[in-house]
Amino acid sequence: MVQKLSAKDVRLNLIVPLELKRKLIKTAVIQGKKVSALVRESIEEKLSGVERKQFEEKMREAYLEMSEENLDTVEEFRYVDAENL
């Protein structure tokens, strides 16, 4: 069976262990998908997870940086309320 590729699709040849290929075929049959679709979805899912972890790490770093700034600001205004007494 020849699969038609769109202009944006590219072919990627992979070498995998035989047991992994067997698992892919079995899973594809169970899910009623082609092996290539299963592999493509798996790659997309993995990359999405990696991107999410990278985003979360950047957000964590930004949060920590802002928390340090907030603590500095709190320290600067520590005695301001007492001035009005």
N, C-alpha and C. Protein backbone atom coordinates (compact mmCIF):
# COMPACT_ATOMS: atom_id res chain seq x y z
N MET A 1 0.84 -1.18 0.00
CA MET A 1 0.00 0.00 0.00
C MET A 1 0.88 1.24 0.00
N VAL A 2 0.68 2.11 -0.95
CA VAL A 2 1.45 3.33 -1.07
C VAL A 2 0.71 4.45 -0.35
N GLN A 3 1.42 5.12 0.55
CA GLN A 3 0.80 6.21 1.29
C GLN A 3 1.14 7.53 0.62
N LYS A 4 0.13 8.34 0.41
CA LYS A 4 0.35 9.64 -0.21
C LYS A 4 0.82 10.63 0.84
N LEU A 5 1.86 11.37 0.53
CA LEU A 5 2.40 12.37 1.43
C LEU A 5 2.03 13.75 0.93
N SER A 6 1.70 14.62 1.87
CA SER A 6 1.43 15.99 1.46
C SER A 6 2.76 16.70 1.26
N ALA A 7 2.70 17.92 0.73
CA ALA A 7 3.92 18.69 0.47
C ALA A 7 4.68 18.99 1.76
N LYS A 8 3.98 18.99 2.89
CA LYS A 8 4.62 19.31 4.17
C LYS A 8 5.12 18.07 4.90
N ASP A 9 4.80 16.90 4.41
CA ASP A 9 5.23 15.65 5.05
C ASP A 9 6.60 15.23 4.52
N VAL A 10 7.35 14.61 5.39
CA VAL A 10 8.64 14.05 4.98
C VAL A 10 8.72 12.62 5.51
N ARG A 11 9.49 11.85 4.85
CA ARG A 11 9.67 10.46 5.26
C ARG A 11 10.85 10.40 6.23
N LEU A 12 10.68 9.59 7.26
CA LEU A 12 11.72 9.42 8.27
C LEU A 12 11.92 7.93 8.48
N ASN A 13 13.11 7.46 8.26
CA ASN A 13 13.40 6.05 8.45
C ASN A 13 14.05 5.87 9.82
N LEU A 14 13.55 4.91 10.58
CA LEU A 14 14.04 4.64 11.92
C LEU A 14 14.49 3.20 12.02
N ILE A 15 15.46 2.97 12.87
CA ILE A 15 15.86 1.62 13.20
C ILE A 15 15.46 1.39 14.64
N VAL A 16 14.62 0.38 14.87
CA VAL A 16 14.15 0.07 16.22
C VAL A 16 14.36 -1.41 16.47
N PRO A 17 14.44 -1.79 17.73
CA PRO A 17 14.55 -3.22 18.04
C PRO A 17 13.32 -3.97 17.54
N LEU A 18 13.51 -5.23 17.19
CA LEU A 18 12.43 -6.06 16.66
C LEU A 18 11.25 -6.12 17.63
N GLU A 19 11.53 -6.25 18.91
CA GLU A 19 10.46 -6.34 19.91
C GLU A 19 9.62 -5.06 19.93
N LEU A 20 10.25 -3.91 19.77
CA LEU A 20 9.51 -2.65 19.72
C LEU A 20 8.62 -2.61 18.49
N LYS A 21 9.13 -3.08 17.37
CA LYS A 21 8.33 -3.13 16.14
C LYS A 21 7.11 -4.02 16.35
N ARG A 22 7.31 -5.15 16.98
CA ARG A 22 6.18 -6.06 17.24
C ARG A 22 5.13 -5.38 18.13
N LYS A 23 5.60 -4.68 19.15
CA LYS A 23 4.67 -3.97 20.05
C LYS A 23 3.91 -2.87 19.29
N LEU A 24 4.62 -2.18 18.43
CA LEU A 24 3.98 -1.13 17.63
C LEU A 24 2.89 -1.72 16.73
N ILE A 25 3.20 -2.80 16.06
CA ILE A 25 2.23 -3.44 15.16
C ILE A 25 1.02 -3.92 15.96
N LYS A 26 1.26 -4.56 17.09
CA LYS A 26 0.17 -5.08 17.93
C LYS A 26 -0.72 -3.93 18.40
N THR A 27 -0.11 -2.87 18.90
CA THR A 27 -0.87 -1.72 19.40
C THR A 27 -1.64 -1.05 18.27
N ALA A 28 -1.01 -0.91 17.12
CA ALA A 28 -1.67 -0.28 15.97
C ALA A 28 -2.90 -1.09 15.55
N VAL A 29 -2.78 -2.40 15.54
CA VAL A 29 -3.91 -3.25 15.17
C VAL A 29 -5.04 -3.09 16.19
N ILE A 30 -4.69 -3.12 17.47
CA ILE A 30 -5.70 -2.98 18.53
C ILE A 30 -6.43 -1.64 18.41
N GLN A 31 -5.67 -0.57 18.10
CA GLN A 31 -6.26 0.76 18.02
C GLN A 31 -6.84 1.07 16.64
N GLY A 32 -6.66 0.16 15.69
CA GLY A 32 -7.19 0.35 14.34
C GLY A 32 -6.48 1.48 13.59
N LYS A 33 -5.20 1.60 13.83
CA LYS A 33 -4.40 2.66 13.20
C LYS A 33 -3.26 2.04 12.41
N LYS A 34 -2.67 2.84 11.57
CA LYS A 34 -1.44 2.44 10.91
C LYS A 34 -0.28 2.65 11.88
N VAL A 35 0.76 1.86 11.72
CA VAL A 35 1.93 1.99 12.58
C VAL A 35 2.51 3.40 12.46
N SER A 36 2.55 3.94 11.26
CA SER A 36 3.11 5.28 11.08
C SER A 36 2.31 6.33 11.85
N ALA A 37 0.98 6.17 11.89
CA ALA A 37 0.14 7.11 12.64
C ALA A 37 0.41 6.98 14.13
N LEU A 38 0.55 5.75 14.60
CA LEU A 38 0.84 5.52 16.02
C LEU A 38 2.20 6.12 16.40
N VAL A 39 3.19 5.92 15.56
CA VAL A 39 4.52 6.46 15.83
C VAL A 39 4.48 7.99 15.81
N ARG A 40 3.79 8.55 14.83
CA ARG A 40 3.68 10.02 14.72
C ARG A 40 3.01 10.59 15.97
N GLU A 41 1.91 9.98 16.41
CA GLU A 41 1.21 10.44 17.62
C GLU A 41 2.10 10.32 18.85
N SER A 42 2.85 9.24 18.92
CA SER A 42 3.74 9.03 20.07
C SER A 42 4.83 10.10 20.12
N ILE A 43 5.39 10.41 18.96
CA ILE A 43 6.42 11.45 18.89
C ILE A 43 5.84 12.80 19.28
N GLU A 44 4.65 13.11 18.76
CA GLU A 44 4.00 14.38 19.08
C GLU A 44 3.73 14.48 20.58
N GLU A 45 3.26 13.39 21.18
CA GLU A 45 2.97 13.38 22.61
C GLU A 45 4.24 13.58 23.43
N LYS A 46 5.29 12.91 23.05
CA LYS A 46 6.57 13.03 23.77
C LYS A 46 7.10 14.45 23.67
N LEU A 47 7.10 15.01 22.46
CA LEU A 47 7.61 16.37 22.27
C LEU A 47 6.76 17.39 23.01
N SER A 48 5.47 17.16 23.05
CA SER A 48 4.57 18.05 23.79
C SER A 48 4.92 18.03 25.27
N GLY A 49 5.19 16.86 25.80
CA GLY A 49 5.59 16.72 27.20
C GLY A 49 6.90 17.43 27.49
N VAL A 50 7.85 17.29 26.59
CA VAL A 50 9.15 17.96 26.75
C VAL A 50 8.96 19.48 26.73
N GLU A 51 8.17 19.96 25.77
CA GLU A 51 7.91 21.40 25.68
C GLU A 51 7.21 21.90 26.94
N ARG A 52 6.26 21.13 27.46
CA ARG A 52 5.54 21.52 28.67
C ARG A 52 6.50 21.61 29.85
N LYS A 53 7.41 20.64 29.98
CA LYS A 53 8.38 20.67 31.07
C LYS A 53 9.30 21.88 30.94
N GLN A 54 9.72 22.20 29.72
CA GLN A 54 10.58 23.37 29.51
C GLN A 54 9.84 24.65 29.90
N PHE A 55 8.56 24.75 29.50
CA PHE A 55 7.75 25.92 29.85
C PHE A 55 7.58 26.03 31.36
N GLU A 56 7.29 24.92 32.01
CA GLU A 56 7.10 24.93 33.46
C GLU A 56 8.39 25.34 34.17
N GLU A 57 9.52 24.90 33.67
CA GLU A 57 10.81 25.29 34.27
C GLU A 57 11.05 26.79 34.11
N LYS A 58 10.75 27.33 32.94
CA LYS A 58 10.90 28.78 32.73
C LYS A 58 9.97 29.55 33.66
N MET A 59 8.73 29.06 33.81
CA MET A 59 7.79 29.72 34.69
C MET A 59 8.26 29.65 36.14
N ARG A 60 8.81 28.52 36.53
CA ARG A 60 9.33 28.37 37.90
C ARG A 60 10.46 29.35 38.15
N GLU A 61 11.38 29.45 37.19
CA GLU A 61 12.49 30.38 37.33
C GLU A 61 12.00 31.82 37.42
N ALA A 62 11.03 32.17 36.59
CA ALA A 62 10.48 33.53 36.61
C ALA A 62 9.78 33.80 37.94
N TYR A 63 9.05 32.83 38.44
CA TYR A 63 8.36 32.97 39.72
C TYR A 63 9.36 33.20 40.84
N LEU A 64 10.42 32.40 40.85
CA LEU A 64 11.44 32.56 41.89
C LEU A 64 12.11 33.92 41.81
N GLU A 65 12.38 34.37 40.59
CA GLU A 65 12.99 35.69 40.42
C GLU A 65 12.05 36.78 40.93
N MET A 66 10.78 36.67 40.59
CA MET A 66 9.81 37.67 41.05
C MET A 66 9.63 37.61 42.56
N SER A 67 9.70 36.42 43.13
CA SER A 67 9.53 36.31 44.58
C SER A 67 10.67 37.00 45.30
N GLU A 68 11.87 36.92 44.76
CA GLU A 68 13.01 37.62 45.36
C GLU A 68 12.79 39.13 45.29
N GLU A 69 12.30 39.61 44.15
CA GLU A 69 12.00 41.04 44.01
C GLU A 69 10.91 41.45 44.99
N ASN A 70 9.88 40.63 45.14
CA ASN A 70 8.80 40.94 46.06
C ASN A 70 9.29 41.00 47.50
N LEU A 71 10.16 40.08 47.87
CA LEU A 71 10.71 40.11 49.23
C LEU A 71 11.54 41.37 49.45
N ASP A 72 12.29 41.78 48.44
CA ASP A 72 13.07 43.02 48.55
C ASP A 72 12.15 44.22 48.73
N THR A 73 11.06 44.25 47.99
CA THR A 73 10.10 45.36 48.08
C THR A 73 9.44 45.38 49.46
N VAL A 74 9.06 44.21 49.95
CA VAL A 74 8.47 44.13 51.29
C VAL A 74 9.45 44.64 52.33
N GLU A 75 10.69 44.27 52.20
CA GLU A 75 11.71 44.72 53.15
C GLU A 75 11.89 46.23 53.10
N GLU A 76 11.85 46.81 51.90
CA GLU A 76 12.00 48.26 51.75
C GLU A 76 10.86 49.01 52.44
N PHE A 77 9.66 48.45 52.42
CA PHE A 77 8.50 49.13 52.98
C PHE A 77 8.10 48.59 54.36
N ARG A 78 8.98 47.89 54.98
CA ARG A 78 8.71 47.24 56.26
C ARG A 78 8.21 48.22 57.32
N TYR A 79 8.82 49.37 57.41
CA TYR A 79 8.50 50.31 58.48
C TYR A 79 7.60 51.46 58.03
N VAL A 80 7.13 51.45 56.80
CA VAL A 80 6.32 52.52 56.26
C VAL A 80 5.01 52.66 57.03
N ASP A 81 4.33 51.58 57.34
CA ASP A 81 3.07 51.65 58.07
C ASP A 81 3.26 52.28 59.46
N ALA A 82 4.37 52.02 60.07
CA ALA A 82 4.61 52.56 61.42
C ALA A 82 4.84 54.07 61.39
N GLU A 83 5.19 54.63 60.26
CA GLU A 83 5.45 56.07 60.17
C GLU A 83 4.17 56.88 60.38
N ASN A 84 3.03 56.30 60.09
CA ASN A 84 1.75 57.02 60.19
C ASN A 84 1.18 57.01 61.61
N LEU A 85 1.78 56.31 62.51
CA LEU A 85 1.24 56.22 63.87
C LEU A 85 1.47 57.46 64.66
